[in-house]
Amino acid sequence: MPFILKLIEPAASLGSSLRKFRESLGWTIEKAARETRIQGSYLQNMEEERWEKLPEEPARSHLLKRYVRTLGDPPALITLSDEKLPEAKLILQPLAKARSFSLTLTPFHWKLAGFALIFLGIIGYLGWQVHTLLAPPFLVIDNPSEGFSTPVPTISIQGITDPQASVTINEQPILKTSDGTFRYEMHLEQGANLITIAAAKRYSRPRTIYRTVVFEGKPNPFSFSNQ
C-alpha cells in the first residue's frame, strides 16, 4: 500500500490571524486604526502578540473585541480571541506533605464546618462586590497623545471607557456611545493647554488622565472679544 506524506500546518496564532484578516480586507495598519478608532501601535502590538504593551484588563480585552468586531466578526477570530487571549499565569507552589494524624469528625463538626464555609463565602462575596463598586473604571485615550502640537485652534479628544461610566473633560460632562466610546471637539488657547479627562461610575473612584496639547498657531487678528 503506498503511503502519502502530508504536511500539517501549525495552528494559527491569534496575532497572525488578526493580521491575515486585516490584509484580506486590503487594509493597512493606518486604515485599520481609522476604522476601529484604536491607535495603530495598539493594533500592531495585538498582531505581534506583545500583550504587555497594551493597556491592562479589562481595557485590553475590550480593544481586542473591538478589533475583531471591526474585521467582521470572523468565527475563527472569535474562537481564538476567546481561547488564546493571554491571562496571568498562576504559579503553583508545592504543598508541604501534611503529617498524618487521627481525627474523628462528628455530624456536629461537619455542620459547623458548613456554616463556616457559608459565612466565609458571604464575607468574600460582599468584599468583592464592594471592591468592584469602588474600583475606578478603565479609561483609554486614543487621541491626542501627550505633548501633541497643532497649528489649528481645535483638537478632537477621542477615547473609550466603561459603558456605565460618565466622562468629563475639564470638568464638563461629555456624551458617549452605548459601547463607551466618546469624541469631543475642544477649542484651544494659544500655547500649552492642559486637558483633564476623567471617568467614574456612580460610587467608584474616578480614573483621570492628563494630556498637554500645544497650540502653535497665531491668534486670528480679525477676531474681537467685544463687538
C-alpha atoms as a PDB file:
ATOM      1  CA  MET A   1       0.000   0.000   0.000  1.00  0.00           C
ATOM      2  CA  PRO A   2       1.513   3.368  -0.967  1.00  0.00           C
ATOM      3  CA  PHE A   3       2.000   5.962   1.783  1.00  0.00           C
ATOM      4  CA  ILE A   4       1.188   9.650   1.260  1.00  0.00           C
ATOM      5  CA  LEU A   5       3.096  12.228   3.284  1.00  0.00           C
ATOM      6  CA  LYS A   6       1.068  15.280   4.332  1.00  0.00           C
ATOM      7  CA  LEU A   7       2.455  18.466   5.837  1.00  0.00           C
ATOM      8  CA  ILE A   8       0.448  19.564   8.827  1.00  0.00           C
ATOM      9  CA  GLU A   9       0.437  23.342   9.220  1.00  0.00           C
ATOM     10  CA  PRO A  10       0.811  24.615  12.776  1.00  0.00           C
ATOM     11  CA  ALA A  11      -2.254  26.157  14.347  1.00  0.00           C
ATOM     12  CA  ALA A  12      -2.549  29.851  13.573  1.00  0.00           C
ATOM     13  CA  SER A  13      -1.847  32.223  16.421  1.00  0.00           C
ATOM     14  CA  LEU A  14      -4.229  34.995  17.405  1.00  0.00           C
ATOM     15  CA  GLY A  15      -1.868  37.739  16.239  1.00  0.00           C
ATOM     16  CA  SER A  16      -1.162  36.204  12.839  1.00  0.00           C
ATOM     17  CA  SER A  17      -4.890  35.589  12.324  1.00  0.00           C
ATOM     18  CA  LEU A  18      -5.658  39.239  13.064  1.00  0.00           C
ATOM     19  CA  ARG A  19      -3.062  40.319  10.512  1.00  0.00           C
ATOM     20  CA  LYS A  20      -4.369  37.787   7.950  1.00  0.00           C
ATOM     21  CA  PHE A  21      -7.969  39.010   8.178  1.00  0.00           C
ATOM     22  CA  ARG A  22      -6.872  42.674   8.089  1.00  0.00           C
ATOM     23  CA  GLU A  23      -4.803  42.090   4.951  1.00  0.00           C
ATOM     24  CA  SER A  24      -7.667  40.137   3.353  1.00  0.00           C
ATOM     25  CA  LEU A  25      -9.675  43.371   3.561  1.00  0.00           C
ATOM     26  CA  GLY A  26      -6.835  45.245   1.883  1.00  0.00           C
ATOM     27  CA  TRP A  27      -6.316  47.407   4.970  1.00  0.00           C
ATOM     28  CA  THR A  28      -3.051  48.867   6.174  1.00  0.00           C
ATOM     29  CA  ILE A  29      -2.461  49.401   9.892  1.00  0.00           C
ATOM     30  CA  GLU A  30      -3.312  53.078   9.352  1.00  0.00           C
ATOM     31  CA  LYS A  31      -6.595  52.183   7.634  1.00  0.00           C
ATOM     32  CA  ALA A  32      -7.490  49.714  10.407  1.00  0.00           C
ATOM     33  CA  ALA A  33      -6.704  52.381  13.032  1.00  0.00           C
ATOM     34  CA  ARG A  34      -9.147  54.775  11.367  1.00  0.00           C
ATOM     35  CA  GLU A  35     -11.862  52.129  11.080  1.00  0.00           C
ATOM     36  CA  THR A  36     -11.516  50.879  14.669  1.00  0.00           C
ATOM     37  CA  ARG A  37     -10.600  54.218  16.267  1.00  0.00           C
ATOM     38  CA  ILE A  38      -7.771  52.365  18.026  1.00  0.00           C
ATOM     39  CA  GLN A  39      -4.168  53.594  17.989  1.00  0.00           C
ATOM     40  CA  GLY A  40      -2.112  51.950  15.262  1.00  0.00           C
ATOM     41  CA  SER A  41       0.553  50.983  17.803  1.00  0.00           C
ATOM     42  CA  TYR A  42      -2.073  49.031  19.792  1.00  0.00           C
ATOM     43  CA  LEU A  43      -3.187  47.172  16.647  1.00  0.00           C
ATOM     44  CA  GLN A  44       0.409  46.315  15.771  1.00  0.00           C
ATOM     45  CA  ASN A  45       1.086  45.073  19.303  1.00  0.00           C
ATOM     46  CA  MET A  46      -2.002  42.831  19.084  1.00  0.00           C
ATOM     47  CA  GLU A  47      -0.887  41.391  15.742  1.00  0.00           C
ATOM     48  CA  GLU A  48       2.614  40.767  17.128  1.00  0.00           C
ATOM     49  CA  GLU A  49       1.148  39.426  20.419  1.00  0.00           C
ATOM     50  CA  ARG A  50       3.023  41.922  22.567  1.00  0.00           C
ATOM     51  CA  TRP A  51       0.233  41.936  25.116  1.00  0.00           C
ATOM     52  CA  GLU A  52       2.376  43.560  27.805  1.00  0.00           C
ATOM     53  CA  LYS A  53       2.471  46.764  25.724  1.00  0.00           C
ATOM     54  CA  LEU A  54      -1.346  47.057  25.722  1.00  0.00           C
ATOM     55  CA  PRO A  55      -3.462  48.671  28.457  1.00  0.00           C
ATOM     56  CA  GLU A  56      -4.323  46.483  31.428  1.00  0.00           C
ATOM     57  CA  GLU A  57      -7.505  44.434  31.662  1.00  0.00           C
ATOM     58  CA  PRO A  58     -10.369  44.939  31.063  1.00  0.00           C
ATOM     59  CA  ALA A  59      -9.326  47.608  28.530  1.00  0.00           C
ATOM     60  CA  ARG A  60      -7.106  45.096  26.683  1.00  0.00           C
ATOM     61  CA  SER A  61      -9.957  42.642  26.091  1.00  0.00           C
ATOM     62  CA  HIS A  62     -12.274  45.477  25.089  1.00  0.00           C
ATOM     63  CA  LEU A  63      -9.802  46.736  22.452  1.00  0.00           C
ATOM     64  CA  LEU A  64      -9.281  43.213  21.101  1.00  0.00           C
ATOM     65  CA  LYS A  65     -13.021  42.571  20.818  1.00  0.00           C
ATOM     66  CA  ARG A  66     -13.487  45.903  19.049  1.00  0.00           C
ATOM     67  CA  TYR A  67     -10.753  44.986  16.537  1.00  0.00           C
ATOM     68  CA  VAL A  68     -12.357  41.569  15.901  1.00  0.00           C
ATOM     69  CA  ARG A  69     -15.798  43.178  15.530  1.00  0.00           C
ATOM     70  CA  THR A  70     -14.490  45.729  13.002  1.00  0.00           C
ATOM     71  CA  LEU A  71     -12.882  42.948  10.952  1.00  0.00           C
ATOM     72  CA  GLY A  72     -16.371  41.468  10.532  1.00  0.00           C
ATOM     73  CA  ASP A  73     -16.518  39.027  13.475  1.00  0.00           C
ATOM     74  CA  PRO A  74     -14.829  36.119  11.608  1.00  0.00           C
ATOM     75  CA  PRO A  75     -15.713  32.899  13.524  1.00  0.00           C
ATOM     76  CA  ALA A  76     -12.052  31.814  13.595  1.00  0.00           C
ATOM     77  CA  LEU A  77     -11.034  35.098  15.223  1.00  0.00           C
ATOM     78  CA  ILE A  78     -13.856  34.942  17.762  1.00  0.00           C
ATOM     79  CA  THR A  79     -12.702  31.461  18.828  1.00  0.00           C
ATOM     80  CA  LEU A  80      -9.031  32.465  19.031  1.00  0.00           C
ATOM     81  CA  SER A  81      -9.740  35.671  20.949  1.00  0.00           C
ATOM     82  CA  ASP A  82     -11.809  33.708  23.488  1.00  0.00           C
ATOM     83  CA  GLU A  83      -9.301  30.847  23.860  1.00  0.00           C
ATOM     84  CA  LYS A  84      -5.858  32.388  23.395  1.00  0.00           C
ATOM     85  CA  LEU A  85      -6.019  35.831  24.993  1.00  0.00           C
ATOM     86  CA  PRO A  86      -3.152  35.624  27.466  1.00  0.00           C
ATOM     87  CA  GLU A  87      -4.054  35.700  31.094  1.00  0.00           C
ATOM     88  CA  ALA A  88      -1.919  35.970  34.186  1.00  0.00           C
ATOM     89  CA  LYS A  89      -0.262  32.627  34.849  1.00  0.00           C
ATOM     90  CA  LEU A  90      -0.769  31.014  38.220  1.00  0.00           C
ATOM     91  CA  ILE A  91       2.399  29.879  39.917  1.00  0.00           C
ATOM     92  CA  LEU A  92       1.592  26.795  41.904  1.00  0.00           C
ATOM     93  CA  GLN A  93       3.684  26.295  44.994  1.00  0.00           C
ATOM     94  CA  PRO A  94       4.200  22.701  46.142  1.00  0.00           C
ATOM     95  CA  LEU A  95       2.354  21.926  49.299  1.00  0.00           C
ATOM     96  CA  ALA A  96       4.263  20.535  52.235  1.00  0.00           C
ATOM     97  CA  LYS A  97       3.281  16.980  52.944  1.00  0.00           C
ATOM     98  CA  ALA A  98       0.963  17.020  55.915  1.00  0.00           C
ATOM     99  CA  ARG A  99       1.686  14.757  58.783  1.00  0.00           C
ATOM    100  CA  SER A 100      -0.966  12.092  59.184  1.00  0.00           C
ATOM    101  CA  PHE A 101      -2.998  12.175  62.320  1.00  0.00           C
ATOM    102  CA  SER A 102      -6.177  10.663  63.531  1.00  0.00           C
ATOM    103  CA  LEU A 103      -9.264  12.851  63.749  1.00  0.00           C
ATOM    104  CA  THR A 104     -12.830  11.778  64.361  1.00  0.00           C
ATOM    105  CA  LEU A 105     -15.421  14.040  62.722  1.00  0.00           C
ATOM    106  CA  THR A 106     -18.959  14.001  64.070  1.00  0.00           C
ATOM    107  CA  PRO A 107     -22.071  15.348  62.281  1.00  0.00           C
ATOM    108  CA  PHE A 108     -21.806  18.414  64.516  1.00  0.00           C
ATOM    109  CA  HIS A 109     -18.292  19.099  63.200  1.00  0.00           C
ATOM    110  CA  TRP A 110     -19.480  18.799  59.579  1.00  0.00           C
ATOM    111  CA  LYS A 111     -22.406  21.134  60.249  1.00  0.00           C
ATOM    112  CA  LEU A 112     -20.112  23.658  61.932  1.00  0.00           C
ATOM    113  CA  ALA A 113     -17.680  23.494  59.010  1.00  0.00           C
ATOM    114  CA  GLY A 114     -20.558  24.016  56.558  1.00  0.00           C
ATOM    115  CA  PHE A 115     -21.754  27.131  58.399  1.00  0.00           C
ATOM    116  CA  ALA A 116     -18.197  28.455  58.494  1.00  0.00           C
ATOM    117  CA  LEU A 117     -17.782  27.963  54.736  1.00  0.00           C
ATOM    118  CA  ILE A 118     -21.091  29.701  54.030  1.00  0.00           C
ATOM    119  CA  PHE A 119     -20.148  32.604  56.299  1.00  0.00           C
ATOM    120  CA  LEU A 120     -16.716  32.985  54.694  1.00  0.00           C
ATOM    121  CA  GLY A 121     -18.304  32.792  51.244  1.00  0.00           C
ATOM    122  CA  ILE A 122     -20.741  35.594  52.091  1.00  0.00           C
ATOM    123  CA  ILE A 123     -17.965  37.770  53.520  1.00  0.00           C
ATOM    124  CA  GLY A 124     -15.797  37.145  50.456  1.00  0.00           C
ATOM    125  CA  TYR A 125     -18.653  37.920  48.069  1.00  0.00           C
ATOM    126  CA  LEU A 126     -19.535  41.155  49.869  1.00  0.00           C
ATOM    127  CA  GLY A 127     -15.878  42.195  49.871  1.00  0.00           C
ATOM    128  CA  TRP A 128     -15.603  41.518  46.146  1.00  0.00           C
ATOM    129  CA  GLN A 129     -18.799  43.499  45.478  1.00  0.00           C
ATOM    130  CA  VAL A 130     -17.530  46.488  47.454  1.00  0.00           C
ATOM    131  CA  HIS A 131     -14.177  46.355  45.673  1.00  0.00           C
ATOM    132  CA  THR A 132     -15.911  46.210  42.272  1.00  0.00           C
ATOM    133  CA  LEU A 133     -18.238  49.049  43.227  1.00  0.00           C
ATOM    134  CA  LEU A 134     -15.438  51.366  44.350  1.00  0.00           C
ATOM    135  CA  ALA A 135     -12.818  50.454  41.718  1.00  0.00           C
ATOM    136  CA  PRO A 136     -12.318  53.168  39.063  1.00  0.00           C
ATOM    137  CA  PRO A 137     -13.421  52.255  35.523  1.00  0.00           C
ATOM    138  CA  PHE A 138     -10.888  51.704  32.756  1.00  0.00           C
ATOM    139  CA  LEU A 139     -10.144  54.705  30.537  1.00  0.00           C
ATOM    140  CA  VAL A 140      -8.158  54.723  27.278  1.00  0.00           C
ATOM    141  CA  ILE A 141      -7.403  57.939  25.368  1.00  0.00           C
ATOM    142  CA  ASP A 142      -6.793  57.287  21.667  1.00  0.00           C
ATOM    143  CA  ASN A 143      -6.267  60.936  20.752  1.00  0.00           C
ATOM    144  CA  PRO A 144      -4.430  63.219  21.441  1.00  0.00           C
ATOM    145  CA  SER A 145      -1.095  61.914  22.639  1.00  0.00           C
ATOM    146  CA  GLU A 146       0.790  63.655  25.450  1.00  0.00           C
ATOM    147  CA  GLY A 147       2.687  66.749  24.275  1.00  0.00           C
ATOM    148  CA  PHE A 148       0.858  66.898  20.926  1.00  0.00           C
ATOM    149  CA  SER A 149       1.399  70.141  18.966  1.00  0.00           C
ATOM    150  CA  THR A 150      -1.049  71.525  16.425  1.00  0.00           C
ATOM    151  CA  PRO A 151      -1.300  74.658  14.233  1.00  0.00           C
ATOM    152  CA  VAL A 152      -5.115  74.679  14.445  1.00  0.00           C
ATOM    153  CA  PRO A 153      -7.118  76.026  17.394  1.00  0.00           C
ATOM    154  CA  THR A 154      -9.225  72.881  17.945  1.00  0.00           C
ATOM    155  CA  ILE A 155      -8.428  69.303  18.943  1.00  0.00           C
ATOM    156  CA  SER A 156     -10.511  66.121  18.733  1.00  0.00           C
ATOM    157  CA  ILE A 157     -10.415  64.181  22.004  1.00  0.00           C
ATOM    158  CA  GLN A 158     -11.261  60.505  21.474  1.00  0.00           C
ATOM    159  CA  GLY A 159     -11.297  57.572  23.860  1.00  0.00           C
ATOM    160  CA  ILE A 160     -13.196  54.695  25.406  1.00  0.00           C
ATOM    161  CA  THR A 161     -14.306  53.789  28.912  1.00  0.00           C
ATOM    162  CA  ASP A 162     -16.727  51.527  30.753  1.00  0.00           C
ATOM    163  CA  PRO A 163     -20.196  51.883  29.160  1.00  0.00           C
ATOM    164  CA  GLN A 164     -21.652  52.505  32.641  1.00  0.00           C
ATOM    165  CA  ALA A 165     -19.196  55.302  33.455  1.00  0.00           C
ATOM    166  CA  SER A 166     -19.705  59.029  32.975  1.00  0.00           C
ATOM    167  CA  VAL A 167     -16.977  61.118  31.321  1.00  0.00           C
ATOM    168  CA  THR A 168     -15.866  64.690  31.929  1.00  0.00           C
ATOM    169  CA  ILE A 169     -13.300  66.793  30.085  1.00  0.00           C
ATOM    170  CA  ASN A 170     -12.029  69.725  32.130  1.00  0.00           C
ATOM    171  CA  GLU A 171     -14.990  69.064  34.468  1.00  0.00           C
ATOM    172  CA  GLN A 172     -17.536  69.351  31.629  1.00  0.00           C
ATOM    173  CA  PRO A 173     -19.823  66.288  31.117  1.00  0.00           C
ATOM    174  CA  ILE A 174     -19.300  64.567  27.746  1.00  0.00           C
ATOM    175  CA  LEU A 175     -21.728  62.333  25.834  1.00  0.00           C
ATOM    176  CA  LYS A 176     -20.595  58.843  24.828  1.00  0.00           C
ATOM    177  CA  THR A 177     -21.982  55.956  22.801  1.00  0.00           C
ATOM    178  CA  SER A 178     -23.522  52.768  24.196  1.00  0.00           C
ATOM    179  CA  ASP A 179     -20.193  50.900  23.880  1.00  0.00           C
ATOM    180  CA  GLY A 180     -18.328  53.534  25.922  1.00  0.00           C
ATOM    181  CA  THR A 181     -16.555  55.413  23.111  1.00  0.00           C
ATOM    182  CA  PHE A 182     -16.563  59.202  23.095  1.00  0.00           C
ATOM    183  CA  ARG A 183     -15.388  62.083  20.922  1.00  0.00           C
ATOM    184  CA  TYR A 184     -15.252  65.778  21.791  1.00  0.00           C
ATOM    185  CA  GLU A 185     -14.038  68.805  19.830  1.00  0.00           C
ATOM    186  CA  MET A 186     -12.255  71.239  22.141  1.00  0.00           C
ATOM    187  CA  HIS A 187     -11.155  74.825  21.496  1.00  0.00           C
ATOM    188  CA  LEU A 188      -7.506  75.520  22.344  1.00  0.00           C
ATOM    189  CA  GLU A 189      -5.888  78.615  23.782  1.00  0.00           C
ATOM    190  CA  GLN A 190      -2.595  79.967  22.485  1.00  0.00           C
ATOM    191  CA  GLY A 191       0.344  77.950  23.882  1.00  0.00           C
ATOM    192  CA  ALA A 192       0.099  74.924  26.194  1.00  0.00           C
ATOM    193  CA  ASN A 193      -3.342  73.558  27.124  1.00  0.00           C
ATOM    194  CA  LEU A 194      -3.784  71.088  29.989  1.00  0.00           C
ATOM    195  CA  ILE A 195      -6.687  68.711  29.309  1.00  0.00           C
ATOM    196  CA  THR A 196      -8.115  66.636  32.169  1.00  0.00           C
ATOM    197  CA  ILE A 197     -10.167  63.594  31.133  1.00  0.00           C
ATOM    198  CA  ALA A 198     -11.932  61.716  33.936  1.00  0.00           C
ATOM    199  CA  ALA A 199     -14.266  58.715  34.038  1.00  0.00           C
ATOM    200  CA  ALA A 200     -16.232  57.471  37.040  1.00  0.00           C
ATOM    201  CA  LYS A 201     -19.135  55.188  37.828  1.00  0.00           C
ATOM    202  CA  ARG A 202     -21.826  56.086  40.346  1.00  0.00           C
ATOM    203  CA  TYR A 203     -19.959  55.075  43.509  1.00  0.00           C
ATOM    204  CA  SER A 204     -16.449  54.475  42.172  1.00  0.00           C
ATOM    205  CA  ARG A 205     -13.269  56.450  42.448  1.00  0.00           C
ATOM    206  CA  PRO A 206     -12.521  58.421  39.255  1.00  0.00           C
ATOM    207  CA  ARG A 207      -9.921  57.373  36.697  1.00  0.00           C
ATOM    208  CA  THR A 208      -8.125  60.506  35.461  1.00  0.00           C
ATOM    209  CA  ILE A 209      -5.778  61.010  32.504  1.00  0.00           C
ATOM    210  CA  TYR A 210      -3.994  64.265  31.671  1.00  0.00           C
ATOM    211  CA  ARG A 211      -2.945  65.447  28.233  1.00  0.00           C
ATOM    212  CA  THR A 212      -0.919  68.563  27.366  1.00  0.00           C
ATOM    213  CA  VAL A 213      -1.642  69.932  23.883  1.00  0.00           C
ATOM    214  CA  VAL A 214       0.260  72.902  22.432  1.00  0.00           C
ATOM    215  CA  PHE A 215      -1.475  75.282  20.011  1.00  0.00           C
ATOM    216  CA  GLU A 216       1.336  76.781  17.921  1.00  0.00           C
ATOM    217  CA  GLY A 217      -0.843  78.820  15.551  1.00  0.00           C
ATOM    218  CA  LYS A 218      -1.284  82.558  15.673  1.00  0.00           C
ATOM    219  CA  PRO A 219      -4.423  84.193  17.053  1.00  0.00           C
ATOM    220  CA  ASN A 220      -6.929  85.388  14.441  1.00  0.00           C
ATOM    221  CA  PRO A 221      -6.267  89.155  14.055  1.00  0.00           C
ATOM    222  CA  PHE A 222      -9.862  89.702  12.904  1.00  0.00           C
ATOM    223  CA  SER A 223     -11.482  88.160  15.974  1.00  0.00           C
ATOM    224  CA  PHE A 224     -12.548  90.544  18.751  1.00  0.00           C
ATOM    225  CA  SER A 225     -13.655  89.761  22.261  1.00  0.00           C
ATOM    226  CA  ASN A 226     -16.034  92.750  22.290  1.00  0.00           C
ATOM    227  CA  GLN A 227     -18.354  93.594  19.354  1.00  0.00           C
END
